[in-house]
């Protein structure tokens, strides 16, 4: 049985990981007493006892957790959900669908960084376009995203769900206006873009779910493609990937021509829609910011390390 320790189990990602382990008889969750969870000597014991340790912590606390590992411990696999190690070359980046190289690095690594939620949607739309020669690496990328408030952490959740909720919380709120969002570094690093994208994130008054939206001018692309052709290219790139479903061209009409940011709530997979016309194309990645954007991605990586089917314990829609 695999021993699992969750450092930071009280946060939203840690809680979701716990939920996804319910009913699994192959996992033994070792739990530190509440009064000792900030005692580094005790944390070190639990971290080094585990086969898999999830770090669901702020960046500095995640770095501290890594420092608590015994120098000779080559057994424990750390899966970090923070921003701390996402561009560190010594850590595997947790989107196995990008290529066989990404999946194999996850499989054999003892250090795995779970992607950011916004970054997951961005990278999974942009990366194939660069690899397949559709957009140049100097393309002036802009991206917007709409997220439920759960992605903003415990304090934000308390604000949105509290009795003294301010009037401004009932409307969408744009933030990161200085263009310094913490996910930008990995968005540029993993895709290999020469220029940092312009990124506009918006948080709204619903719990979970996310749309990441990439607009493209076709006259700036490296090759001439129609929206349907671009959809087919994306579908071919992700063919056989259970966690990524590129929807048929025009599939948004089944929803009345709308895409709701909470369509994928409670799910651990992602849907990609390609829409637009011969001059302007829009690509949308729809997923749960707490699923494929966080805890679901973390458990998928764990399943790969353990040699299990990747969807074990996760909620994905079976392919037709």
C-alpha atoms as a PDB file:
ATOM      1  CA  UNK A   1       0.000   0.000   0.000  1.00  0.00           C
ATOM      2  CA  UNK A   2       1.287   3.481  -0.910  1.00  0.00           C
ATOM      3  CA  UNK A   3       1.871   5.820   2.024  1.00  0.00           C
ATOM      4  CA  UNK A   4       0.710   9.361   1.215  1.00  0.00           C
ATOM      5  CA  UNK A   5       1.292  12.519   3.238  1.00  0.00           C
ATOM      6  CA  UNK A   6      -0.424  15.811   2.403  1.00  0.00           C
ATOM      7  CA  UNK A   7       1.490  18.801   3.747  1.00  0.00           C
ATOM      8  CA  UNK A   8      -1.114  21.555   3.782  1.00  0.00           C
ATOM      9  CA  UNK A   9      -4.168  19.310   3.881  1.00  0.00           C
ATOM     10  CA  UNK A  10      -6.478  22.084   5.120  1.00  0.00           C
ATOM     11  CA  UNK A  11      -6.221  24.189   1.935  1.00  0.00           C
ATOM     12  CA  UNK A  12      -8.523  23.857  -1.072  1.00  0.00           C
ATOM     13  CA  UNK A  13      -6.113  21.691  -3.081  1.00  0.00           C
ATOM     14  CA  UNK A  14      -5.276  19.504  -0.084  1.00  0.00           C
ATOM     15  CA  UNK A  15      -8.941  18.996   0.724  1.00  0.00           C
ATOM     16  CA  UNK A  16      -9.732  18.022  -2.868  1.00  0.00           C
ATOM     17  CA  UNK A  17      -6.865  15.521  -2.910  1.00  0.00           C
ATOM     18  CA  UNK A  18      -8.260  13.975   0.260  1.00  0.00           C
ATOM     19  CA  UNK A  19     -11.713  13.740  -1.331  1.00  0.00           C
ATOM     20  CA  UNK A  20     -10.336  11.953  -4.378  1.00  0.00           C
ATOM     21  CA  UNK A  21      -8.716   9.297  -2.193  1.00  0.00           C
ATOM     22  CA  UNK A  22     -12.038   8.245  -0.666  1.00  0.00           C
ATOM     23  CA  UNK A  23     -12.758   4.648  -1.551  1.00  0.00           C
ATOM     24  CA  UNK A  24      -9.196   3.888  -2.689  1.00  0.00           C
ATOM     25  CA  UNK A  25      -7.857   0.837  -0.877  1.00  0.00           C
ATOM     26  CA  UNK A  26      -4.360   1.227  -2.343  1.00  0.00           C
ATOM     27  CA  UNK A  27      -3.623   4.474  -0.479  1.00  0.00           C
ATOM     28  CA  UNK A  28      -2.700   4.860   3.192  1.00  0.00           C
ATOM     29  CA  UNK A  29      -2.918   8.544   4.156  1.00  0.00           C
ATOM     30  CA  UNK A  30      -0.633   9.310   7.076  1.00  0.00           C
ATOM     31  CA  UNK A  31      -1.912  12.321   9.005  1.00  0.00           C
ATOM     32  CA  UNK A  32       0.120  14.608  11.217  1.00  0.00           C
ATOM     33  CA  UNK A  33      -1.672  15.694  14.421  1.00  0.00           C
ATOM     34  CA  UNK A  34      -3.206  19.133  13.984  1.00  0.00           C
ATOM     35  CA  UNK A  35      -1.192  20.634  16.816  1.00  0.00           C
ATOM     36  CA  UNK A  36       2.081  19.475  15.186  1.00  0.00           C
ATOM     37  CA  UNK A  37       1.466  20.467  11.557  1.00  0.00           C
ATOM     38  CA  UNK A  38       3.800  23.484  11.858  1.00  0.00           C
ATOM     39  CA  UNK A  39       6.467  21.638  13.836  1.00  0.00           C
ATOM     40  CA  UNK A  40       9.280  21.144  11.329  1.00  0.00           C
ATOM     41  CA  UNK A  41      10.770  18.184  13.143  1.00  0.00           C
ATOM     42  CA  UNK A  42       7.453  16.367  12.940  1.00  0.00           C
ATOM     43  CA  UNK A  43       6.826  17.490   9.369  1.00  0.00           C
ATOM     44  CA  UNK A  44      10.216  16.068   8.402  1.00  0.00           C
ATOM     45  CA  UNK A  45       9.290  12.692   9.872  1.00  0.00           C
ATOM     46  CA  UNK A  46       6.055  12.486   7.901  1.00  0.00           C
ATOM     47  CA  UNK A  47       7.599  13.796   4.676  1.00  0.00           C
ATOM     48  CA  UNK A  48      10.392  11.227   4.790  1.00  0.00           C
ATOM     49  CA  UNK A  49       8.094   8.354   5.813  1.00  0.00           C
ATOM     50  CA  UNK A  50       5.789   8.862   2.839  1.00  0.00           C
ATOM     51  CA  UNK A  51       6.089   7.219  -0.556  1.00  0.00           C
ATOM     52  CA  UNK A  52       4.256  10.220  -2.054  1.00  0.00           C
ATOM     53  CA  UNK A  53       4.158  13.644  -0.374  1.00  0.00           C
ATOM     54  CA  UNK A  54       1.869  16.355  -1.752  1.00  0.00           C
ATOM     55  CA  UNK A  55       2.926  19.924  -0.974  1.00  0.00           C
ATOM     56  CA  UNK A  56      -0.248  22.044  -0.894  1.00  0.00           C
ATOM     57  CA  UNK A  57       1.446  25.094   0.549  1.00  0.00           C
ATOM     58  CA  UNK A  58       2.514  28.677  -0.184  1.00  0.00           C
ATOM     59  CA  UNK A  59       5.758  28.929  -2.129  1.00  0.00           C
ATOM     60  CA  UNK A  60       8.083  29.568   0.809  1.00  0.00           C
ATOM     61  CA  UNK A  61       6.557  26.747   2.831  1.00  0.00           C
ATOM     62  CA  UNK A  62       6.986  24.377  -0.120  1.00  0.00           C
ATOM     63  CA  UNK A  63      10.655  25.284  -0.398  1.00  0.00           C
ATOM     64  CA  UNK A  64      10.960  24.715   3.341  1.00  0.00           C
ATOM     65  CA  UNK A  65       9.348  21.271   2.986  1.00  0.00           C
ATOM     66  CA  UNK A  66      11.911  20.310   0.336  1.00  0.00           C
ATOM     67  CA  UNK A  67      14.693  21.367   2.696  1.00  0.00           C
ATOM     68  CA  UNK A  68      13.317  18.958   5.316  1.00  0.00           C
ATOM     69  CA  UNK A  69      13.943  15.902   3.138  1.00  0.00           C
ATOM     70  CA  UNK A  70      16.749  13.610   4.277  1.00  0.00           C
ATOM     71  CA  UNK A  71      19.747  13.891   1.899  1.00  0.00           C
ATOM     72  CA  UNK A  72      19.781  10.130   1.365  1.00  0.00           C
ATOM     73  CA  UNK A  73      16.063   9.790   0.709  1.00  0.00           C
ATOM     74  CA  UNK A  74      15.753   8.691  -2.918  1.00  0.00           C
ATOM     75  CA  UNK A  75      12.355   7.049  -2.388  1.00  0.00           C
ATOM     76  CA  UNK A  76       9.843   9.759  -1.469  1.00  0.00           C
ATOM     77  CA  UNK A  77       8.246  11.504  -4.450  1.00  0.00           C
ATOM     78  CA  UNK A  78       7.356  15.150  -3.840  1.00  0.00           C
ATOM     79  CA  UNK A  79       4.423  16.549  -5.832  1.00  0.00           C
ATOM     80  CA  UNK A  80       4.349  20.308  -5.340  1.00  0.00           C
ATOM     81  CA  UNK A  81       1.138  22.257  -6.046  1.00  0.00           C
ATOM     82  CA  UNK A  82       2.757  25.645  -5.382  1.00  0.00           C
ATOM     83  CA  UNK A  83       4.476  27.997  -7.830  1.00  0.00           C
ATOM     84  CA  UNK A  84       7.883  27.394  -6.251  1.00  0.00           C
ATOM     85  CA  UNK A  85       9.401  24.818  -8.624  1.00  0.00           C
ATOM     86  CA  UNK A  86       7.464  25.052 -11.909  1.00  0.00           C
ATOM     87  CA  UNK A  87      10.363  26.414 -13.941  1.00  0.00           C
ATOM     88  CA  UNK A  88      13.086  24.508 -12.095  1.00  0.00           C
ATOM     89  CA  UNK A  89      14.821  22.151 -14.574  1.00  0.00           C
ATOM     90  CA  UNK A  90      15.309  19.625 -11.790  1.00  0.00           C
ATOM     91  CA  UNK A  91      11.559  19.180 -11.451  1.00  0.00           C
ATOM     92  CA  UNK A  92       9.201  17.451 -13.881  1.00  0.00           C
ATOM     93  CA  UNK A  93       6.366  19.671 -15.104  1.00  0.00           C
ATOM     94  CA  UNK A  94       3.025  17.991 -14.563  1.00  0.00           C
ATOM     95  CA  UNK A  95       1.249  18.106 -17.934  1.00  0.00           C
ATOM     96  CA  UNK A  96       1.905  14.632 -19.360  1.00  0.00           C
ATOM     97  CA  UNK A  97      -0.278  15.278 -22.414  1.00  0.00           C
ATOM     98  CA  UNK A  98       2.224  17.705 -23.934  1.00  0.00           C
ATOM     99  CA  UNK A  99       4.553  14.943 -25.164  1.00  0.00           C
ATOM    100  CA  UNK A 100       6.003  11.557 -24.407  1.00  0.00           C
ATOM    101  CA  UNK A 101       9.038  13.322 -22.971  1.00  0.00           C
ATOM    102  CA  UNK A 102       6.901  15.171 -20.416  1.00  0.00           C
ATOM    103  CA  UNK A 103       5.112  11.955 -19.421  1.00  0.00           C
ATOM    104  CA  UNK A 104       8.326   9.961 -19.030  1.00  0.00           C
ATOM    105  CA  UNK A 105       9.970  12.674 -16.956  1.00  0.00           C
ATOM    106  CA  UNK A 106       6.976  12.581 -14.611  1.00  0.00           C
ATOM    107  CA  UNK A 107       7.103   8.784 -14.486  1.00  0.00           C
ATOM    108  CA  UNK A 108      10.739   8.668 -13.401  1.00  0.00           C
ATOM    109  CA  UNK A 109      11.053  11.836 -11.333  1.00  0.00           C
ATOM    110  CA  UNK A 110      11.143  12.231  -7.569  1.00  0.00           C
ATOM    111  CA  UNK A 111      10.253  15.917  -7.901  1.00  0.00           C
ATOM    112  CA  UNK A 112       7.095  16.942  -9.775  1.00  0.00           C
ATOM    113  CA  UNK A 113       5.635  20.456 -10.057  1.00  0.00           C
ATOM    114  CA  UNK A 114       1.868  20.662 -10.589  1.00  0.00           C
ATOM    115  CA  UNK A 115       1.020  23.396 -13.139  1.00  0.00           C
ATOM    116  CA  UNK A 116      -0.930  26.494 -12.206  1.00  0.00           C
ATOM    117  CA  UNK A 117      -4.620  26.449 -13.104  1.00  0.00           C
ATOM    118  CA  UNK A 118      -4.491  29.341 -15.591  1.00  0.00           C
ATOM    119  CA  UNK A 119      -1.187  28.038 -16.928  1.00  0.00           C
ATOM    120  CA  UNK A 120      -2.707  24.606 -17.605  1.00  0.00           C
ATOM    121  CA  UNK A 121      -5.339  26.022 -19.960  1.00  0.00           C
ATOM    122  CA  UNK A 122      -2.876  28.383 -21.610  1.00  0.00           C
ATOM    123  CA  UNK A 123      -0.073  25.881 -22.153  1.00  0.00           C
ATOM    124  CA  UNK A 124      -2.341  23.119 -23.423  1.00  0.00           C
ATOM    125  CA  UNK A 125      -3.648  25.431 -26.147  1.00  0.00           C
ATOM    126  CA  UNK A 126      -0.435  27.264 -27.064  1.00  0.00           C
ATOM    127  CA  UNK A 127       2.148  24.461 -26.831  1.00  0.00           C
ATOM    128  CA  UNK A 128       0.742  22.344 -29.710  1.00  0.00           C
ATOM    129  CA  UNK A 129       0.437  25.423 -31.938  1.00  0.00           C
ATOM    130  CA  UNK A 130       4.126  26.213 -31.540  1.00  0.00           C
ATOM    131  CA  UNK A 131       5.234  22.581 -31.898  1.00  0.00           C
ATOM    132  CA  UNK A 132       3.117  22.116 -35.026  1.00  0.00           C
ATOM    133  CA  UNK A 133       4.397  25.332 -36.614  1.00  0.00           C
ATOM    134  CA  UNK A 134       1.106  27.238 -36.515  1.00  0.00           C
ATOM    135  CA  UNK A 135       2.266  30.237 -34.515  1.00  0.00           C
ATOM    136  CA  UNK A 136       5.800  31.639 -34.319  1.00  0.00           C
ATOM    137  CA  UNK A 137       7.522  31.823 -30.954  1.00  0.00           C
ATOM    138  CA  UNK A 138       7.480  35.618 -31.203  1.00  0.00           C
ATOM    139  CA  UNK A 139       3.688  35.806 -31.704  1.00  0.00           C
ATOM    140  CA  UNK A 140       2.170  38.676 -29.637  1.00  0.00           C
ATOM    141  CA  UNK A 141       0.043  36.409 -27.456  1.00  0.00           C
ATOM    142  CA  UNK A 142      -2.830  37.769 -25.404  1.00  0.00           C
ATOM    143  CA  UNK A 143      -4.974  35.578 -23.182  1.00  0.00           C
ATOM    144  CA  UNK A 144      -7.925  36.135 -20.873  1.00  0.00           C
ATOM    145  CA  UNK A 145      -9.408  33.820 -18.272  1.00  0.00           C
ATOM    146  CA  UNK A 146     -12.487  33.575 -16.080  1.00  0.00           C
ATOM    147  CA  UNK A 147     -12.298  31.619 -12.823  1.00  0.00           C
ATOM    148  CA  UNK A 148     -14.438  30.737  -9.848  1.00  0.00           C
ATOM    149  CA  UNK A 149     -13.397  32.224  -6.536  1.00  0.00           C
ATOM    150  CA  UNK A 150     -12.134  28.934  -5.066  1.00  0.00           C
ATOM    151  CA  UNK A 151      -8.898  29.401  -6.983  1.00  0.00           C
ATOM    152  CA  UNK A 152      -8.066  32.487  -4.937  1.00  0.00           C
ATOM    153  CA  UNK A 153      -7.607  30.553  -1.692  1.00  0.00           C
ATOM    154  CA  UNK A 154      -9.174  30.315   1.765  1.00  0.00           C
ATOM    155  CA  UNK A 155      -9.326  34.051   2.470  1.00  0.00           C
ATOM    156  CA  UNK A 156     -11.112  34.775  -0.791  1.00  0.00           C
ATOM    157  CA  UNK A 157     -13.533  31.903  -0.239  1.00  0.00           C
ATOM    158  CA  UNK A 158     -14.369  33.330   3.192  1.00  0.00           C
ATOM    159  CA  UNK A 159     -15.016  36.749   1.618  1.00  0.00           C
ATOM    160  CA  UNK A 160     -17.285  35.412  -1.113  1.00  0.00           C
ATOM    161  CA  UNK A 161     -19.202  33.134   1.243  1.00  0.00           C
ATOM    162  CA  UNK A 162     -19.251  35.425   4.291  1.00  0.00           C
ATOM    163  CA  UNK A 163     -22.235  37.289   5.711  1.00  0.00           C
ATOM    164  CA  UNK A 164     -20.567  40.668   5.160  1.00  0.00           C
ATOM    165  CA  UNK A 165     -19.969  40.063   1.438  1.00  0.00           C
ATOM    166  CA  UNK A 166     -19.317  43.367  -0.313  1.00  0.00           C
ATOM    167  CA  UNK A 167     -21.373  44.488  -3.308  1.00  0.00           C
ATOM    168  CA  UNK A 168     -18.311  44.350  -5.566  1.00  0.00           C
ATOM    169  CA  UNK A 169     -18.050  40.579  -5.050  1.00  0.00           C
ATOM    170  CA  UNK A 170     -21.313  39.978  -6.882  1.00  0.00           C
ATOM    171  CA  UNK A 171     -19.735  41.045 -10.189  1.00  0.00           C
ATOM    172  CA  UNK A 172     -16.738  39.766 -12.197  1.00  0.00           C
ATOM    173  CA  UNK A 173     -13.490  41.352 -10.983  1.00  0.00           C
ATOM    174  CA  UNK A 174     -10.399  41.779 -13.126  1.00  0.00           C
ATOM    175  CA  UNK A 175      -7.056  41.607 -11.312  1.00  0.00           C
ATOM    176  CA  UNK A 176      -3.276  41.270 -11.852  1.00  0.00           C
ATOM    177  CA  UNK A 177      -3.548  44.604 -13.640  1.00  0.00           C
ATOM    178  CA  UNK A 178       0.208  45.214 -13.417  1.00  0.00           C
ATOM    179  CA  UNK A 179       0.822  42.180 -15.670  1.00  0.00           C
ATOM    180  CA  UNK A 180       2.777  40.426 -12.926  1.00  0.00           C
ATOM    181  CA  UNK A 181       0.590  37.363 -12.341  1.00  0.00           C
ATOM    182  CA  UNK A 182       2.583  34.521 -10.816  1.00  0.00           C
ATOM    183  CA  UNK A 183       1.587  32.038 -13.552  1.00  0.00           C
ATOM    184  CA  UNK A 184       3.141  34.105 -16.340  1.00  0.00           C
ATOM    185  CA  UNK A 185       6.640  32.774 -15.725  1.00  0.00           C
ATOM    186  CA  UNK A 186       5.689  29.145 -16.382  1.00  0.00           C
ATOM    187  CA  UNK A 187       3.339  30.119 -19.239  1.00  0.00           C
ATOM    188  CA  UNK A 188       6.266  31.613 -21.128  1.00  0.00           C
ATOM    189  CA  UNK A 189       8.901  29.115 -19.985  1.00  0.00           C
ATOM    190  CA  UNK A 190       7.085  25.911 -20.923  1.00  0.00           C
ATOM    191  CA  UNK A 191       5.781  27.140 -24.294  1.00  0.00           C
ATOM    192  CA  UNK A 192       9.076  28.753 -25.280  1.00  0.00           C
ATOM    193  CA  UNK A 193       7.502  32.082 -26.225  1.00  0.00           C
ATOM    194  CA  UNK A 194       9.991  34.909 -26.720  1.00  0.00           C
ATOM    195  CA  UNK A 195       7.648  37.489 -25.208  1.00  0.00           C
ATOM    196  CA  UNK A 196       5.635  37.314 -22.006  1.00  0.00           C
ATOM    197  CA  UNK A 197       1.908  37.077 -22.856  1.00  0.00           C
ATOM    198  CA  UNK A 198      -0.533  39.845 -21.999  1.00  0.00           C
ATOM    199  CA  UNK A 199      -2.762  38.118 -19.457  1.00  0.00           C
ATOM    200  CA  UNK A 200      -6.162  39.270 -18.175  1.00  0.00           C
ATOM    201  CA  UNK A 201      -7.563  37.070 -15.377  1.00  0.00           C
ATOM    202  CA  UNK A 202     -11.059  37.638 -13.983  1.00  0.00           C
ATOM    203  CA  UNK A 203     -12.572  36.106 -10.828  1.00  0.00           C
ATOM    204  CA  UNK A 204     -16.349  35.821 -10.532  1.00  0.00           C
ATOM    205  CA  UNK A 205     -19.058  34.950  -8.032  1.00  0.00           C
ATOM    206  CA  UNK A 206     -19.211  31.165  -8.491  1.00  0.00           C
ATOM    207  CA  UNK A 207     -17.222  28.469  -6.724  1.00  0.00           C
ATOM    208  CA  UNK A 208     -15.200  26.560  -9.328  1.00  0.00           C
ATOM    209  CA  UNK A 209     -14.602  26.156 -13.048  1.00  0.00           C
ATOM    210  CA  UNK A 210     -12.467  28.047 -15.533  1.00  0.00           C
ATOM    211  CA  UNK A 211     -12.329  29.248 -19.131  1.00  0.00           C
ATOM    212  CA  UNK A 212      -8.947  30.226 -20.579  1.00  0.00           C
ATOM    213  CA  UNK A 213      -9.368  32.092 -23.872  1.00  0.00           C
ATOM    214  CA  UNK A 214      -6.719  32.469 -26.586  1.00  0.00           C
ATOM    215  CA  UNK A 215      -7.532  34.776 -29.558  1.00  0.00           C
ATOM    216  CA  UNK A 216      -5.561  34.485 -32.801  1.00  0.00           C
ATOM    217  CA  UNK A 217      -5.313  36.614 -35.943  1.00  0.00           C
ATOM    218  CA  UNK A 218      -4.920  34.200 -38.842  1.00  0.00           C
ATOM    219  CA  UNK A 219      -2.808  36.637 -40.887  1.00  0.00           C
ATOM    220  CA  UNK A 220      -0.124  36.450 -38.163  1.00  0.00           C
ATOM    221  CA  UNK A 221       0.076  32.643 -38.208  1.00  0.00           C
ATOM    222  CA  UNK A 222       2.964  30.760 -39.804  1.00  0.00           C
ATOM    223  CA  UNK A 223       0.592  28.669 -41.893  1.00  0.00           C
ATOM    224  CA  UNK A 224      -2.859  29.402 -43.291  1.00  0.00           C
ATOM    225  CA  UNK A 225      -5.524  27.418 -41.419  1.00  0.00           C
ATOM    226  CA  UNK A 226      -9.268  27.668 -41.058  1.00  0.00           C
ATOM    227  CA  UNK A 227     -10.889  27.232 -37.634  1.00  0.00           C
ATOM    228  CA  UNK A 228     -11.959  23.726 -38.596  1.00  0.00           C
ATOM    229  CA  UNK A 229      -8.458  22.811 -39.732  1.00  0.00           C
ATOM    230  CA  UNK A 230      -6.987  24.181 -36.522  1.00  0.00           C
ATOM    231  CA  UNK A 231      -9.499  22.166 -34.517  1.00  0.00           C
ATOM    232  CA  UNK A 232      -8.451  19.011 -36.403  1.00  0.00           C
ATOM    233  CA  UNK A 233      -4.780  19.773 -35.755  1.00  0.00           C
ATOM    234  CA  UNK A 234      -5.454  20.107 -32.015  1.00  0.00           C
ATOM    235  CA  UNK A 235      -7.520  16.912 -31.994  1.00  0.00           C
ATOM    236  CA  UNK A 236      -4.719  15.004 -33.718  1.00  0.00           C
ATOM    237  CA  UNK A 237      -2.154  16.353 -31.250  1.00  0.00           C
ATOM    238  CA  UNK A 238      -4.164  15.122 -28.256  1.00  0.00           C
ATOM    239  CA  UNK A 239      -5.468  11.935 -29.854  1.00  0.00           C
ATOM    240  CA  UNK A 240      -5.665   9.141 -27.304  1.00  0.00           C
ATOM    241  CA  UNK A 241      -5.364  11.471 -24.301  1.00  0.00           C
ATOM    242  CA  UNK A 242      -8.168  10.648 -21.860  1.00  0.00           C
ATOM    243  CA  UNK A 243      -7.892  13.937 -19.995  1.00  0.00           C
ATOM    244  CA  UNK A 244      -8.093  16.260 -23.035  1.00  0.00           C
ATOM    245  CA  UNK A 245     -11.060  16.296 -25.373  1.00  0.00           C
ATOM    246  CA  UNK A 246     -10.972  18.614 -28.378  1.00  0.00           C
ATOM    247  CA  UNK A 247     -14.621  19.178 -29.198  1.00  0.00           C
ATOM    248  CA  UNK A 248     -15.944  18.929 -32.763  1.00  0.00           C
ATOM    249  CA  UNK A 249     -15.994  22.195 -34.666  1.00  0.00           C
ATOM    250  CA  UNK A 250     -19.308  23.916 -33.944  1.00  0.00           C
ATOM    251  CA  UNK A 251     -19.905  21.965 -30.707  1.00  0.00           C
ATOM    252  CA  UNK A 252     -20.644  25.202 -28.840  1.00  0.00           C
ATOM    253  CA  UNK A 253     -23.977  25.335 -30.697  1.00  0.00           C
ATOM    254  CA  UNK A 254     -25.099  22.391 -28.557  1.00  0.00           C
ATOM    255  CA  UNK A 255     -24.921  24.857 -25.660  1.00  0.00           C
ATOM    256  CA  UNK A 256     -26.858  27.545 -27.500  1.00  0.00           C
ATOM    257  CA  UNK A 257     -23.676  29.255 -28.643  1.00  0.00           C
ATOM    258  CA  UNK A 258     -22.470  29.836 -25.063  1.00  0.00           C
ATOM    259  CA  UNK A 259     -19.556  28.467 -23.045  1.00  0.00           C
ATOM    260  CA  UNK A 260     -20.014  28.650 -19.275  1.00  0.00           C
ATOM    261  CA  UNK A 261     -16.928  28.813 -17.093  1.00  0.00           C
ATOM    262  CA  UNK A 262     -18.405  26.275 -14.659  1.00  0.00           C
ATOM    263  CA  UNK A 263     -19.294  23.644 -17.290  1.00  0.00           C
ATOM    264  CA  UNK A 264     -16.521  21.326 -16.055  1.00  0.00           C
ATOM    265  CA  UNK A 265     -17.016  21.766 -12.299  1.00  0.00           C
ATOM    266  CA  UNK A 266     -16.230  18.586 -10.379  1.00  0.00           C
ATOM    267  CA  UNK A 267     -14.342  17.096 -13.316  1.00  0.00           C
ATOM    268  CA  UNK A 268     -10.645  16.284 -13.676  1.00  0.00           C
ATOM    269  CA  UNK A 269     -10.382  16.529 -17.459  1.00  0.00           C
ATOM    270  CA  UNK A 270     -10.386  19.417 -19.939  1.00  0.00           C
ATOM    271  CA  UNK A 271     -12.409  20.327 -23.030  1.00  0.00           C
ATOM    272  CA  UNK A 272     -10.991  22.492 -25.824  1.00  0.00           C
ATOM    273  CA  UNK A 273     -13.197  24.447 -28.240  1.00  0.00           C
ATOM    274  CA  UNK A 274     -11.988  26.084 -31.465  1.00  0.00           C
ATOM    275  CA  UNK A 275     -14.330  28.742 -32.851  1.00  0.00           C
ATOM    276  CA  UNK A 276     -14.230  31.815 -35.080  1.00  0.00           C
ATOM    277  CA  UNK A 277     -13.764  32.473 -38.790  1.00  0.00           C
ATOM    278  CA  UNK A 278     -11.031  32.653 -41.422  1.00  0.00           C
ATOM    279  CA  UNK A 279      -9.724  35.969 -40.043  1.00  0.00           C
ATOM    280  CA  UNK A 280     -10.042  35.552 -36.276  1.00  0.00           C
ATOM    281  CA  UNK A 281      -9.936  32.316 -34.287  1.00  0.00           C
ATOM    282  CA  UNK A 282     -10.742  31.781 -30.623  1.00  0.00           C
ATOM    283  CA  UNK A 283      -9.508  28.752 -28.649  1.00  0.00           C
ATOM    284  CA  UNK A 284     -11.102  28.075 -25.258  1.00  0.00           C
ATOM    285  CA  UNK A 285      -9.907  25.606 -22.642  1.00  0.00           C
ATOM    286  CA  UNK A 286     -12.696  24.653 -20.228  1.00  0.00           C
ATOM    287  CA  UNK A 287     -11.874  22.814 -16.990  1.00  0.00           C
ATOM    288  CA  UNK A 288     -12.213  22.862 -13.209  1.00  0.00           C
ATOM    289  CA  UNK A 289      -9.551  25.044 -11.597  1.00  0.00           C
ATOM    290  CA  UNK A 290      -9.572  22.602  -8.648  1.00  0.00           C
ATOM    291  CA  UNK A 291      -9.520  19.533 -10.919  1.00  0.00           C
ATOM    292  CA  UNK A 292      -7.262  19.436 -13.987  1.00  0.00           C
ATOM    293  CA  UNK A 293      -6.055  22.824 -12.742  1.00  0.00           C
ATOM    294  CA  UNK A 294      -4.874  21.531  -9.338  1.00  0.00           C
ATOM    295  CA  UNK A 295      -5.754  18.401  -7.344  1.00  0.00           C
ATOM    296  CA  UNK A 296      -6.787  16.263 -10.297  1.00  0.00           C
ATOM    297  CA  UNK A 297      -3.521  17.032 -12.074  1.00  0.00           C
ATOM    298  CA  UNK A 298      -1.581  16.192  -8.915  1.00  0.00           C
ATOM    299  CA  UNK A 299      -3.229  12.781  -8.552  1.00  0.00           C
ATOM    300  CA  UNK A 300      -2.841  12.063 -12.278  1.00  0.00           C
ATOM    301  CA  UNK A 301       0.898  12.614 -11.852  1.00  0.00           C
ATOM    302  CA  UNK A 302       0.934  10.329  -8.801  1.00  0.00           C
ATOM    303  CA  UNK A 303      -0.853   7.604 -10.771  1.00  0.00           C
ATOM    304  CA  UNK A 304       1.785   7.847 -13.505  1.00  0.00           C
ATOM    305  CA  UNK A 305       4.590   7.479 -10.949  1.00  0.00           C
ATOM    306  CA  UNK A 306       2.885   4.423  -9.432  1.00  0.00           C
ATOM    307  CA  UNK A 307       2.304   2.803 -12.828  1.00  0.00           C
ATOM    308  CA  UNK A 308      -1.476   2.953 -12.440  1.00  0.00           C
ATOM    309  CA  UNK A 309      -4.080   3.939 -15.051  1.00  0.00           C
ATOM    310  CA  UNK A 310      -3.899   7.721 -15.057  1.00  0.00           C
ATOM    311  CA  UNK A 311      -7.610   8.215 -14.347  1.00  0.00           C
ATOM    312  CA  UNK A 312      -7.603   6.061 -11.199  1.00  0.00           C
ATOM    313  CA  UNK A 313      -9.709   7.804  -8.548  1.00  0.00           C
ATOM    314  CA  UNK A 314     -10.488  10.731 -10.861  1.00  0.00           C
ATOM    315  CA  UNK A 315     -13.642  11.962 -12.543  1.00  0.00           C
ATOM    316  CA  UNK A 316     -13.282  12.131 -16.310  1.00  0.00           C
ATOM    317  CA  UNK A 317     -15.753  11.638 -19.136  1.00  0.00           C
ATOM    318  CA  UNK A 318     -15.050   8.426 -21.019  1.00  0.00           C
ATOM    319  CA  UNK A 319     -14.263   8.914 -24.700  1.00  0.00           C
ATOM    320  CA  UNK A 320     -17.025   7.741 -27.071  1.00  0.00           C
END
